Amino acid sequence: MMYGDGFGDGFGAIFALVFIIIIGTIIFKAVKGVNEWSMNNNSPIQTIAATVVGKRVKRTTDANGHTSKTYFVTFEVQSGARSEFRISSREYKQLTERDFGNLTHQGTRFHSFERHTVYTVEVQAPAAPASVNCPGCGARTLPGETCKYCNSLV
């Protein structure tokens, strides 16, 4: 019996093709990661006014059932452009949508977000109108009211 043109050769070719695809994907992702790292290192560090417009968590589970979380926040700048950054869980928990402040980043690399503090301004009530002397009895009364002593309209 000859096995040269049977199941064995087809399986070997498929195995080789799958192996090449897996290795190619790994190499592609590695090159992409190095290019992004290099681009970020060559980008200037920028600080710009921005608003938090979105938050999301990406959950992944490995073959052993262990779950990990990756945290992302989307910022919008005054021009309307939006950028999403990967951030730590601590920073993620401190931010809420509609927070406004200074975003510092370097390319696609998040550095920090300094929230602007909202100050409250105490508004004083308008001053009460000055009282006047009632023409009937001379008692102090507010203009436009009736004097409580002589019932004269002031």
C-alpha atoms as a PDB file:
ATOM      1  CA  MET A   1       0.000   0.000   0.000  1.00  0.00           C
ATOM      2  CA  MET A   2       1.073   3.561  -0.757  1.00  0.00           C
ATOM      3  CA  TYR A   3       0.183   6.444   1.435  1.00  0.00           C
ATOM      4  CA  GLY A   4       1.861   9.191  -0.603  1.00  0.00           C
ATOM      5  CA  ASP A   5      -1.247  10.723  -2.169  1.00  0.00           C
ATOM      6  CA  GLY A   6      -3.692   9.961   0.608  1.00  0.00           C
ATOM      7  CA  PHE A   7      -4.755  11.492   3.902  1.00  0.00           C
ATOM      8  CA  GLY A   8      -1.247  12.080   5.230  1.00  0.00           C
ATOM      9  CA  ASP A   9      -0.115  14.562   2.576  1.00  0.00           C
ATOM     10  CA  GLY A  10      -3.312  16.641   2.738  1.00  0.00           C
ATOM     11  CA  PHE A  11      -3.136  16.799   6.524  1.00  0.00           C
ATOM     12  CA  GLY A  12       0.502  17.863   6.387  1.00  0.00           C
ATOM     13  CA  ALA A  13      -0.257  20.652   3.924  1.00  0.00           C
ATOM     14  CA  ILE A  14      -3.169  21.940   6.050  1.00  0.00           C
ATOM     15  CA  PHE A  15      -1.039  21.748   9.195  1.00  0.00           C
ATOM     16  CA  ALA A  16       1.757  23.704   7.490  1.00  0.00           C
ATOM     17  CA  LEU A  17      -0.707  26.326   6.234  1.00  0.00           C
ATOM     18  CA  VAL A  18      -2.260  26.812   9.697  1.00  0.00           C
ATOM     19  CA  PHE A  19       1.230  27.001  11.249  1.00  0.00           C
ATOM     20  CA  ILE A  20       2.278  29.682   8.725  1.00  0.00           C
ATOM     21  CA  ILE A  21      -0.920  31.682   9.374  1.00  0.00           C
ATOM     22  CA  ILE A  22      -0.377  31.579  13.155  1.00  0.00           C
ATOM     23  CA  ILE A  23       3.291  32.566  12.909  1.00  0.00           C
ATOM     24  CA  GLY A  24       2.403  35.303  10.392  1.00  0.00           C
ATOM     25  CA  THR A  25      -0.252  36.714  12.734  1.00  0.00           C
ATOM     26  CA  ILE A  26       2.184  36.750  15.655  1.00  0.00           C
ATOM     27  CA  ILE A  27       4.834  38.513  13.575  1.00  0.00           C
ATOM     28  CA  PHE A  28       2.280  41.020  12.223  1.00  0.00           C
ATOM     29  CA  LYS A  29       1.055  41.914  15.740  1.00  0.00           C
ATOM     30  CA  ALA A  30       4.630  42.231  17.017  1.00  0.00           C
ATOM     31  CA  VAL A  31       5.631  44.564  14.166  1.00  0.00           C
ATOM     32  CA  LYS A  32       2.441  46.605  14.650  1.00  0.00           C
ATOM     33  CA  GLY A  33       3.147  46.930  18.397  1.00  0.00           C
ATOM     34  CA  VAL A  34       6.768  48.001  17.830  1.00  0.00           C
ATOM     35  CA  ASN A  35       5.649  50.564  15.220  1.00  0.00           C
ATOM     36  CA  GLU A  36       3.056  52.049  17.612  1.00  0.00           C
ATOM     37  CA  TRP A  37       5.603  52.133  20.446  1.00  0.00           C
ATOM     38  CA  SER A  38       8.114  53.897  18.181  1.00  0.00           C
ATOM     39  CA  MET A  39       5.502  56.367  16.910  1.00  0.00           C
ATOM     40  CA  ASN A  40       4.489  57.226  20.484  1.00  0.00           C
ATOM     41  CA  ASN A  41       8.106  57.761  21.524  1.00  0.00           C
ATOM     42  CA  ASN A  42       8.630  60.126  18.577  1.00  0.00           C
ATOM     43  CA  SER A  43       5.417  62.094  19.265  1.00  0.00           C
ATOM     44  CA  PRO A  44       5.460  65.206  21.448  1.00  0.00           C
ATOM     45  CA  ILE A  45       3.801  65.109  24.850  1.00  0.00           C
ATOM     46  CA  GLN A  46       0.657  67.228  24.532  1.00  0.00           C
ATOM     47  CA  THR A  47      -1.684  68.654  27.144  1.00  0.00           C
ATOM     48  CA  ILE A  48      -5.082  69.738  25.842  1.00  0.00           C
ATOM     49  CA  ALA A  49      -8.497  70.581  27.267  1.00  0.00           C
ATOM     50  CA  ALA A  50     -10.814  67.586  26.912  1.00  0.00           C
ATOM     51  CA  THR A  51     -14.056  66.077  28.167  1.00  0.00           C
ATOM     52  CA  VAL A  52     -14.646  62.426  29.100  1.00  0.00           C
ATOM     53  CA  VAL A  53     -17.366  61.230  26.711  1.00  0.00           C
ATOM     54  CA  GLY A  54     -17.209  57.464  27.149  1.00  0.00           C
ATOM     55  CA  LYS A  55     -15.844  54.609  29.227  1.00  0.00           C
ATOM     56  CA  ARG A  56     -15.662  50.882  28.509  1.00  0.00           C
ATOM     57  CA  VAL A  57     -14.159  47.694  29.902  1.00  0.00           C
ATOM     58  CA  LYS A  58     -12.881  44.863  27.696  1.00  0.00           C
ATOM     59  CA  ARG A  59     -13.037  41.474  29.427  1.00  0.00           C
ATOM     60  CA  THR A  60     -10.971  38.559  28.156  1.00  0.00           C
ATOM     61  CA  THR A  61     -10.883  34.988  29.412  1.00  0.00           C
ATOM     62  CA  ASP A  62      -7.904  32.708  28.794  1.00  0.00           C
ATOM     63  CA  ALA A  63      -7.938  28.938  28.263  1.00  0.00           C
ATOM     64  CA  ASN A  64      -7.693  28.342  32.035  1.00  0.00           C
ATOM     65  CA  GLY A  65     -10.792  30.459  32.739  1.00  0.00           C
ATOM     66  CA  HIS A  66      -8.911  33.432  34.189  1.00  0.00           C
ATOM     67  CA  THR A  67     -10.576  36.743  33.331  1.00  0.00           C
ATOM     68  CA  SER A  68      -8.705  39.983  32.835  1.00  0.00           C
ATOM     69  CA  LYS A  69     -10.033  43.482  32.259  1.00  0.00           C
ATOM     70  CA  THR A  70      -8.656  46.283  30.116  1.00  0.00           C
ATOM     71  CA  TYR A  71      -9.986  49.788  30.740  1.00  0.00           C
ATOM     72  CA  PHE A  72     -10.577  52.431  28.061  1.00  0.00           C
ATOM     73  CA  VAL A  73     -11.741  56.054  28.197  1.00  0.00           C
ATOM     74  CA  THR A  74     -12.785  58.217  25.240  1.00  0.00           C
ATOM     75  CA  PHE A  75     -11.984  61.928  25.379  1.00  0.00           C
ATOM     76  CA  GLU A  76     -13.339  64.691  23.158  1.00  0.00           C
ATOM     77  CA  VAL A  77     -11.396  67.907  22.526  1.00  0.00           C
ATOM     78  CA  GLN A  78     -12.872  71.300  21.668  1.00  0.00           C
ATOM     79  CA  SER A  79     -12.586  70.682  17.908  1.00  0.00           C
ATOM     80  CA  GLY A  80     -14.905  67.666  18.296  1.00  0.00           C
ATOM     81  CA  ALA A  81     -12.181  65.076  17.645  1.00  0.00           C
ATOM     82  CA  ARG A  82     -12.306  61.999  19.866  1.00  0.00           C
ATOM     83  CA  SER A  83      -9.528  59.694  21.036  1.00  0.00           C
ATOM     84  CA  GLU A  84      -9.718  56.501  23.064  1.00  0.00           C
ATOM     85  CA  PHE A  85      -6.921  55.599  25.477  1.00  0.00           C
ATOM     86  CA  ARG A  86      -6.135  52.521  27.510  1.00  0.00           C
ATOM     87  CA  ILE A  87      -5.839  53.479  31.189  1.00  0.00           C
ATOM     88  CA  SER A  88      -5.314  51.811  34.561  1.00  0.00           C
ATOM     89  CA  SER A  89      -8.238  50.566  36.656  1.00  0.00           C
ATOM     90  CA  ARG A  90      -7.443  53.183  39.332  1.00  0.00           C
ATOM     91  CA  GLU A  91      -7.683  56.047  36.828  1.00  0.00           C
ATOM     92  CA  TYR A  92     -10.795  54.483  35.256  1.00  0.00           C
ATOM     93  CA  LYS A  93     -12.593  54.449  38.607  1.00  0.00           C
ATOM     94  CA  GLN A  94     -11.772  58.115  39.255  1.00  0.00           C
ATOM     95  CA  LEU A  95     -13.282  59.383  35.999  1.00  0.00           C
ATOM     96  CA  THR A  96     -16.921  59.892  35.110  1.00  0.00           C
ATOM     97  CA  GLU A  97     -18.518  60.893  31.854  1.00  0.00           C
ATOM     98  CA  ARG A  98     -18.705  64.680  31.385  1.00  0.00           C
ATOM     99  CA  ASP A  99     -15.579  65.287  33.496  1.00  0.00           C
ATOM    100  CA  PHE A 100     -13.692  68.234  31.983  1.00  0.00           C
ATOM    101  CA  GLY A 101      -9.989  68.895  32.399  1.00  0.00           C
ATOM    102  CA  ASN A 102      -6.511  68.666  30.901  1.00  0.00           C
ATOM    103  CA  LEU A 103      -5.610  65.488  29.015  1.00  0.00           C
ATOM    104  CA  THR A 104      -1.905  64.746  28.685  1.00  0.00           C
ATOM    105  CA  HIS A 105      -0.912  62.150  26.074  1.00  0.00           C
ATOM    106  CA  GLN A 106       1.888  61.170  23.740  1.00  0.00           C
ATOM    107  CA  GLY A 107       0.512  59.810  20.486  1.00  0.00           C
ATOM    108  CA  THR A 108      -1.799  56.970  21.529  1.00  0.00           C
ATOM    109  CA  ARG A 109      -0.170  56.698  24.969  1.00  0.00           C
ATOM    110  CA  PHE A 110      -2.205  58.118  27.876  1.00  0.00           C
ATOM    111  CA  HIS A 111      -0.230  60.004  30.522  1.00  0.00           C
ATOM    112  CA  SER A 112      -2.773  61.704  32.795  1.00  0.00           C
ATOM    113  CA  PHE A 113      -6.033  63.574  33.119  1.00  0.00           C
ATOM    114  CA  GLU A 114      -6.279  66.486  35.530  1.00  0.00           C
ATOM    115  CA  ARG A 115      -9.910  67.263  36.232  1.00  0.00           C
ATOM    116  CA  HIS A 116     -10.897  70.923  36.507  1.00  0.00           C
ATOM    117  CA  THR A 117     -12.484  71.727  39.825  1.00  0.00           C
ATOM    118  CA  VAL A 118     -15.900  73.314  39.643  1.00  0.00           C
ATOM    119  CA  TYR A 119     -16.163  76.319  41.893  1.00  0.00           C
ATOM    120  CA  THR A 120     -19.502  77.384  43.272  1.00  0.00           C
ATOM    121  CA  VAL A 121     -20.241  81.063  43.401  1.00  0.00           C
ATOM    122  CA  GLU A 122     -22.428  82.331  46.199  1.00  0.00           C
ATOM    123  CA  VAL A 123     -25.103  84.564  44.787  1.00  0.00           C
ATOM    124  CA  GLN A 124     -26.337  87.213  47.156  1.00  0.00           C
ATOM    125  CA  ALA A 125     -29.996  88.102  47.235  1.00  0.00           C
ATOM    126  CA  PRO A 126     -30.743  91.581  46.007  1.00  0.00           C
ATOM    127  CA  ALA A 127     -30.746  94.179  48.749  1.00  0.00           C
ATOM    128  CA  ALA A 128     -34.120  94.987  50.236  1.00  0.00           C
ATOM    129  CA  PRO A 129     -35.525  98.285  49.083  1.00  0.00           C
ATOM    130  CA  ALA A 130     -34.874 101.163  51.443  1.00  0.00           C
ATOM    131  CA  SER A 131     -37.708 102.068  53.775  1.00  0.00           C
ATOM    132  CA  VAL A 132     -39.281 105.521  53.711  1.00  0.00           C
ATOM    133  CA  ASN A 133     -41.269 107.637  56.134  1.00  0.00           C
ATOM    134  CA  CYS A 134     -45.040 107.221  55.937  1.00  0.00           C
ATOM    135  CA  PRO A 135     -46.609 110.542  54.889  1.00  0.00           C
ATOM    136  CA  GLY A 136     -49.522 109.968  57.295  1.00  0.00           C
ATOM    137  CA  CYS A 137     -47.758 109.124  60.577  1.00  0.00           C
ATOM    138  CA  GLY A 138     -44.016 109.224  59.840  1.00  0.00           C
ATOM    139  CA  ALA A 139     -43.387 105.527  60.605  1.00  0.00           C
ATOM    140  CA  ARG A 140     -40.744 103.728  58.527  1.00  0.00           C
ATOM    141  CA  THR A 141     -42.469 101.662  55.792  1.00  0.00           C
ATOM    142  CA  LEU A 142     -41.419 100.088  52.495  1.00  0.00           C
ATOM    143  CA  PRO A 143     -42.413 101.972  49.342  1.00  0.00           C
ATOM    144  CA  GLY A 144     -45.604 100.627  47.709  1.00  0.00           C
ATOM    145  CA  GLU A 145     -46.931  99.096  50.943  1.00  0.00           C
ATOM    146  CA  THR A 146     -49.665 100.207  53.313  1.00  0.00           C
ATOM    147  CA  CYS A 147     -48.491 101.627  56.631  1.00  0.00           C
ATOM    148  CA  LYS A 148     -49.390  99.203  59.433  1.00  0.00           C
ATOM    149  CA  TYR A 149     -50.033 102.095  61.858  1.00  0.00           C
ATOM    150  CA  CYS A 150     -52.245 104.476  59.887  1.00  0.00           C
ATOM    151  CA  ASN A 151     -53.209 102.426  56.794  1.00  0.00           C
ATOM    152  CA  SER A 152     -51.829 105.082  54.456  1.00  0.00           C
ATOM    153  CA  LEU A 153     -50.402 103.946  51.093  1.00  0.00           C
ATOM    154  CA  VAL A 154     -46.719 104.787  51.004  1.00  0.00           C
END
